[in-house]
């Protein structure tokens, strides 16, 4: 009795001898096709699982090697399709970490803005106005001087004093912000 017939009759010994004889040739064949050790090993395993599962459907008139390599080839095609579909779905998925980072950045940015607004409230009114026109509304010193009817040198003095007051608090905020981002 040949091995295909024995396998069709549930012979584990026939299956074992086929496995021992063909596992390395199948692996080499698949490795040449795919160039991935992991995928080649997976397909060899799946091929032998299919061989045992569909042993009753084997053609007794055809050599086992032909049937086995045909199974391996179709199994490889199935696996490559699964990998392709999986990669397509992964590529289409939004990255939650990026979204979470964006939300955290927005929250932290709003926190920094709120703290800055509270610090600006502590400044004398004219100094706060000069600072806001300069830093928040991007006006030049000469424009601010013209708007507020003061000299450009007074604008510079107000900015210097405002920055000197804000900088120590703001650097602490930046350190806290940097630590939050690192988490």
C-alpha atoms as a PDB file:
ATOM      1  CA  UNK A   1       0.000   0.000   0.000  1.00  0.00           C
ATOM      2  CA  UNK A   2       1.452   3.429  -0.897  1.00  0.00           C
ATOM      3  CA  UNK A   3       1.623   6.331   1.586  1.00  0.00           C
ATOM      4  CA  UNK A   4      -1.299   8.274   0.076  1.00  0.00           C
ATOM      5  CA  UNK A   5      -3.595   5.296   0.599  1.00  0.00           C
ATOM      6  CA  UNK A   6      -2.216   4.755   4.092  1.00  0.00           C
ATOM      7  CA  UNK A   7      -2.771   8.420   4.906  1.00  0.00           C
ATOM      8  CA  UNK A   8      -6.324   8.220   3.567  1.00  0.00           C
ATOM      9  CA  UNK A   9      -6.833   5.319   5.990  1.00  0.00           C
ATOM     10  CA  UNK A  10      -5.795   7.502   8.982  1.00  0.00           C
ATOM     11  CA  UNK A  11      -2.250   6.157   9.343  1.00  0.00           C
ATOM     12  CA  UNK A  12      -0.324   8.435  11.684  1.00  0.00           C
ATOM     13  CA  UNK A  13       2.860   6.544  10.796  1.00  0.00           C
ATOM     14  CA  UNK A  14       2.415   7.450   7.115  1.00  0.00           C
ATOM     15  CA  UNK A  15       1.756  11.076   8.080  1.00  0.00           C
ATOM     16  CA  UNK A  16       4.888  11.135  10.247  1.00  0.00           C
ATOM     17  CA  UNK A  17       7.068   9.687   7.495  1.00  0.00           C
ATOM     18  CA  UNK A  18       5.711  12.249   4.988  1.00  0.00           C
ATOM     19  CA  UNK A  19       6.350  15.036   7.508  1.00  0.00           C
ATOM     20  CA  UNK A  20       9.945  13.923   8.148  1.00  0.00           C
ATOM     21  CA  UNK A  21      10.651  13.555   4.445  1.00  0.00           C
ATOM     22  CA  UNK A  22       9.063  16.787   3.172  1.00  0.00           C
ATOM     23  CA  UNK A  23       9.251  19.409   5.929  1.00  0.00           C
ATOM     24  CA  UNK A  24      12.687  20.741   4.900  1.00  0.00           C
ATOM     25  CA  UNK A  25      12.108  20.604   1.122  1.00  0.00           C
ATOM     26  CA  UNK A  26       8.779  22.432   1.628  1.00  0.00           C
ATOM     27  CA  UNK A  27      10.457  24.999   3.863  1.00  0.00           C
ATOM     28  CA  UNK A  28      13.229  25.600   1.288  1.00  0.00           C
ATOM     29  CA  UNK A  29      10.687  25.906  -1.522  1.00  0.00           C
ATOM     30  CA  UNK A  30       8.614  28.429   0.442  1.00  0.00           C
ATOM     31  CA  UNK A  31      11.627  30.390   1.639  1.00  0.00           C
ATOM     32  CA  UNK A  32      12.721  30.901  -1.973  1.00  0.00           C
ATOM     33  CA  UNK A  33       9.235  32.135  -2.836  1.00  0.00           C
ATOM     34  CA  UNK A  34       8.667  34.478   0.112  1.00  0.00           C
ATOM     35  CA  UNK A  35      12.120  35.192   1.636  1.00  0.00           C
ATOM     36  CA  UNK A  36      10.585  35.276   5.107  1.00  0.00           C
ATOM     37  CA  UNK A  37      11.626  32.621   7.599  1.00  0.00           C
ATOM     38  CA  UNK A  38       8.561  33.215   9.775  1.00  0.00           C
ATOM     39  CA  UNK A  39       6.039  32.997   6.927  1.00  0.00           C
ATOM     40  CA  UNK A  40       7.781  29.945   5.443  1.00  0.00           C
ATOM     41  CA  UNK A  41       7.617  28.097   8.790  1.00  0.00           C
ATOM     42  CA  UNK A  42       3.976  29.078   9.290  1.00  0.00           C
ATOM     43  CA  UNK A  43       3.015  27.872   5.823  1.00  0.00           C
ATOM     44  CA  UNK A  44       4.834  24.548   6.340  1.00  0.00           C
ATOM     45  CA  UNK A  45       2.858  24.003   9.536  1.00  0.00           C
ATOM     46  CA  UNK A  46      -0.418  25.008   7.919  1.00  0.00           C
ATOM     47  CA  UNK A  47       0.304  22.743   4.949  1.00  0.00           C
ATOM     48  CA  UNK A  48       0.770  19.703   7.171  1.00  0.00           C
ATOM     49  CA  UNK A  49      -2.344  20.601   9.149  1.00  0.00           C
ATOM     50  CA  UNK A  50      -4.278  20.754   5.872  1.00  0.00           C
ATOM     51  CA  UNK A  51      -2.695  17.503   4.734  1.00  0.00           C
ATOM     52  CA  UNK A  52      -4.015  15.722   7.814  1.00  0.00           C
ATOM     53  CA  UNK A  53      -7.389  17.505   7.802  1.00  0.00           C
ATOM     54  CA  UNK A  54      -8.080  16.782   4.107  1.00  0.00           C
ATOM     55  CA  UNK A  55      -6.302  13.403   3.897  1.00  0.00           C
ATOM     56  CA  UNK A  56      -9.524  11.710   2.756  1.00  0.00           C
ATOM     57  CA  UNK A  57      -9.632  13.970  -0.307  1.00  0.00           C
ATOM     58  CA  UNK A  58      -6.122  13.100  -1.506  1.00  0.00           C
ATOM     59  CA  UNK A  59      -5.853  11.541  -4.960  1.00  0.00           C
ATOM     60  CA  UNK A  60      -4.407   8.015  -4.543  1.00  0.00           C
ATOM     61  CA  UNK A  61      -3.224   8.054  -8.173  1.00  0.00           C
ATOM     62  CA  UNK A  62      -1.104  11.187  -7.748  1.00  0.00           C
ATOM     63  CA  UNK A  63       2.290  11.380  -6.041  1.00  0.00           C
ATOM     64  CA  UNK A  64       2.178  12.801  -2.503  1.00  0.00           C
ATOM     65  CA  UNK A  65       4.944  15.312  -3.297  1.00  0.00           C
ATOM     66  CA  UNK A  66       2.888  16.927  -6.065  1.00  0.00           C
ATOM     67  CA  UNK A  67      -0.169  17.189  -3.822  1.00  0.00           C
ATOM     68  CA  UNK A  68       1.843  18.466  -0.873  1.00  0.00           C
ATOM     69  CA  UNK A  69       3.661  21.191  -2.829  1.00  0.00           C
ATOM     70  CA  UNK A  70       0.367  22.233  -4.447  1.00  0.00           C
ATOM     71  CA  UNK A  71      -1.172  22.569  -0.950  1.00  0.00           C
ATOM     72  CA  UNK A  72       1.844  24.567   0.190  1.00  0.00           C
ATOM     73  CA  UNK A  73       1.564  26.900  -2.776  1.00  0.00           C
ATOM     74  CA  UNK A  74      -2.141  27.598  -2.256  1.00  0.00           C
ATOM     75  CA  UNK A  75      -1.601  27.987   1.497  1.00  0.00           C
ATOM     76  CA  UNK A  76       1.166  30.497   0.801  1.00  0.00           C
ATOM     77  CA  UNK A  77      -1.129  32.471  -1.501  1.00  0.00           C
ATOM     78  CA  UNK A  78      -3.839  32.480   1.201  1.00  0.00           C
ATOM     79  CA  UNK A  79      -1.365  33.682   3.833  1.00  0.00           C
ATOM     80  CA  UNK A  80      -0.008  36.420   1.581  1.00  0.00           C
ATOM     81  CA  UNK A  81      -3.556  37.638   0.954  1.00  0.00           C
ATOM     82  CA  UNK A  82      -4.244  37.681   4.704  1.00  0.00           C
ATOM     83  CA  UNK A  83      -1.028  39.627   5.310  1.00  0.00           C
ATOM     84  CA  UNK A  84      -1.910  42.091   2.550  1.00  0.00           C
ATOM     85  CA  UNK A  85      -5.418  42.648   3.935  1.00  0.00           C
ATOM     86  CA  UNK A  86      -4.062  43.016   7.481  1.00  0.00           C
ATOM     87  CA  UNK A  87      -1.484  45.594   6.354  1.00  0.00           C
ATOM     88  CA  UNK A  88      -4.128  47.508   4.411  1.00  0.00           C
ATOM     89  CA  UNK A  89      -6.351  47.650   7.498  1.00  0.00           C
ATOM     90  CA  UNK A  90      -3.454  48.696   9.749  1.00  0.00           C
ATOM     91  CA  UNK A  91      -2.524  51.452   7.322  1.00  0.00           C
ATOM     92  CA  UNK A  92      -6.126  52.713   7.289  1.00  0.00           C
ATOM     93  CA  UNK A  93      -6.449  52.723  11.079  1.00  0.00           C
ATOM     94  CA  UNK A  94      -6.009  56.041  12.836  1.00  0.00           C
ATOM     95  CA  UNK A  95      -3.160  56.093  15.304  1.00  0.00           C
ATOM     96  CA  UNK A  96      -4.688  56.538  18.745  1.00  0.00           C
ATOM     97  CA  UNK A  97      -1.395  57.559  20.345  1.00  0.00           C
ATOM     98  CA  UNK A  98      -1.093  60.507  17.961  1.00  0.00           C
ATOM     99  CA  UNK A  99      -4.675  61.556  18.649  1.00  0.00           C
ATOM    100  CA  UNK A 100      -4.084  61.268  22.391  1.00  0.00           C
ATOM    101  CA  UNK A 101      -0.877  63.288  22.103  1.00  0.00           C
ATOM    102  CA  UNK A 102      -2.757  65.952  20.126  1.00  0.00           C
ATOM    103  CA  UNK A 103      -5.460  66.164  22.810  1.00  0.00           C
ATOM    104  CA  UNK A 104      -2.802  66.370  25.545  1.00  0.00           C
ATOM    105  CA  UNK A 105      -0.953  69.102  23.633  1.00  0.00           C
ATOM    106  CA  UNK A 106      -4.180  71.083  23.295  1.00  0.00           C
ATOM    107  CA  UNK A 107      -5.001  70.689  26.986  1.00  0.00           C
ATOM    108  CA  UNK A 108      -1.462  71.639  28.024  1.00  0.00           C
ATOM    109  CA  UNK A 109      -1.402  74.593  25.621  1.00  0.00           C
ATOM    110  CA  UNK A 110      -4.691  75.855  27.052  1.00  0.00           C
ATOM    111  CA  UNK A 111      -3.267  75.449  30.562  1.00  0.00           C
ATOM    112  CA  UNK A 112      -0.206  77.513  29.629  1.00  0.00           C
ATOM    113  CA  UNK A 113      -2.445  80.207  28.072  1.00  0.00           C
ATOM    114  CA  UNK A 114      -4.569  80.366  31.219  1.00  0.00           C
ATOM    115  CA  UNK A 115      -1.507  80.709  33.448  1.00  0.00           C
ATOM    116  CA  UNK A 116      -0.085  83.411  31.202  1.00  0.00           C
ATOM    117  CA  UNK A 117      -3.392  85.308  31.317  1.00  0.00           C
ATOM    118  CA  UNK A 118      -3.324  85.184  35.141  1.00  0.00           C
ATOM    119  CA  UNK A 119       0.260  86.471  35.174  1.00  0.00           C
ATOM    120  CA  UNK A 120      -0.654  89.300  32.803  1.00  0.00           C
ATOM    121  CA  UNK A 121      -3.434  90.358  35.187  1.00  0.00           C
ATOM    122  CA  UNK A 122      -0.753  90.989  37.819  1.00  0.00           C
ATOM    123  CA  UNK A 123       1.050  93.509  35.600  1.00  0.00           C
ATOM    124  CA  UNK A 124       0.268  97.237  35.738  1.00  0.00           C
ATOM    125  CA  UNK A 125      -2.371  98.080  33.082  1.00  0.00           C
ATOM    126  CA  UNK A 126      -0.060  99.996  30.691  1.00  0.00           C
ATOM    127  CA  UNK A 127       2.678  97.312  30.885  1.00  0.00           C
ATOM    128  CA  UNK A 128       0.098  94.558  30.232  1.00  0.00           C
ATOM    129  CA  UNK A 129      -1.263  96.487  27.252  1.00  0.00           C
ATOM    130  CA  UNK A 130       2.244  96.935  25.793  1.00  0.00           C
ATOM    131  CA  UNK A 131       3.033  93.241  26.299  1.00  0.00           C
ATOM    132  CA  UNK A 132      -0.225  92.057  24.707  1.00  0.00           C
ATOM    133  CA  UNK A 133       0.189  94.336  21.700  1.00  0.00           C
ATOM    134  CA  UNK A 134       3.758  93.129  21.239  1.00  0.00           C
ATOM    135  CA  UNK A 135       3.543  89.421  21.928  1.00  0.00           C
ATOM    136  CA  UNK A 136      -0.100  88.523  21.313  1.00  0.00           C
ATOM    137  CA  UNK A 137      -0.928  90.921  18.464  1.00  0.00           C
ATOM    138  CA  UNK A 138       2.562  90.968  16.892  1.00  0.00           C
ATOM    139  CA  UNK A 139       2.892  94.759  16.759  1.00  0.00           C
ATOM    140  CA  UNK A 140       6.261  96.446  16.425  1.00  0.00           C
ATOM    141  CA  UNK A 141       7.576  98.782  19.128  1.00  0.00           C
ATOM    142  CA  UNK A 142       7.006 101.836  16.934  1.00  0.00           C
ATOM    143  CA  UNK A 143       3.401 100.767  16.200  1.00  0.00           C
ATOM    144  CA  UNK A 144       2.739 100.271  19.921  1.00  0.00           C
ATOM    145  CA  UNK A 145       4.278 103.669  20.669  1.00  0.00           C
ATOM    146  CA  UNK A 146       2.003 105.260  18.113  1.00  0.00           C
ATOM    147  CA  UNK A 147      -1.125 103.406  19.321  1.00  0.00           C
ATOM    148  CA  UNK A 148      -0.533 104.236  22.997  1.00  0.00           C
ATOM    149  CA  UNK A 149       0.970 107.696  22.390  1.00  0.00           C
ATOM    150  CA  UNK A 150       4.189 106.897  24.244  1.00  0.00           C
ATOM    151  CA  UNK A 151       7.815 106.875  23.169  1.00  0.00           C
ATOM    152  CA  UNK A 152       9.393 103.748  21.626  1.00  0.00           C
ATOM    153  CA  UNK A 153      11.908 103.742  24.499  1.00  0.00           C
ATOM    154  CA  UNK A 154       9.031 103.547  27.019  1.00  0.00           C
ATOM    155  CA  UNK A 155       7.597 100.609  25.031  1.00  0.00           C
ATOM    156  CA  UNK A 156      10.973  98.850  25.311  1.00  0.00           C
ATOM    157  CA  UNK A 157      11.122  99.519  29.055  1.00  0.00           C
ATOM    158  CA  UNK A 158       7.603  98.163  29.590  1.00  0.00           C
ATOM    159  CA  UNK A 159       8.437  95.034  27.562  1.00  0.00           C
ATOM    160  CA  UNK A 160      11.689  94.482  29.434  1.00  0.00           C
ATOM    161  CA  UNK A 161       9.983  94.791  32.818  1.00  0.00           C
ATOM    162  CA  UNK A 162       7.038  92.610  31.736  1.00  0.00           C
ATOM    163  CA  UNK A 163       9.340  89.864  30.454  1.00  0.00           C
ATOM    164  CA  UNK A 164      11.493  90.100  33.577  1.00  0.00           C
ATOM    165  CA  UNK A 165       8.340  89.550  35.672  1.00  0.00           C
ATOM    166  CA  UNK A 166       6.854  86.748  33.524  1.00  0.00           C
ATOM    167  CA  UNK A 167      10.001  84.785  32.649  1.00  0.00           C
ATOM    168  CA  UNK A 168      10.565  83.071  36.064  1.00  0.00           C
ATOM    169  CA  UNK A 169       6.960  81.890  36.212  1.00  0.00           C
ATOM    170  CA  UNK A 170       6.845  80.993  32.562  1.00  0.00           C
ATOM    171  CA  UNK A 171      10.034  78.904  32.680  1.00  0.00           C
ATOM    172  CA  UNK A 172       8.450  76.877  35.509  1.00  0.00           C
ATOM    173  CA  UNK A 173       5.382  76.382  33.332  1.00  0.00           C
ATOM    174  CA  UNK A 174       7.572  75.267  30.432  1.00  0.00           C
ATOM    175  CA  UNK A 175       9.352  72.741  32.669  1.00  0.00           C
ATOM    176  CA  UNK A 176       5.999  71.370  33.859  1.00  0.00           C
ATOM    177  CA  UNK A 177       4.754  71.310  30.257  1.00  0.00           C
ATOM    178  CA  UNK A 178       7.887  69.441  29.103  1.00  0.00           C
ATOM    179  CA  UNK A 179       7.449  66.872  31.879  1.00  0.00           C
ATOM    180  CA  UNK A 180       3.795  66.340  30.946  1.00  0.00           C
ATOM    181  CA  UNK A 181       4.711  65.799  27.300  1.00  0.00           C
ATOM    182  CA  UNK A 182       7.398  63.269  28.290  1.00  0.00           C
ATOM    183  CA  UNK A 183       4.816  61.121  30.143  1.00  0.00           C
END
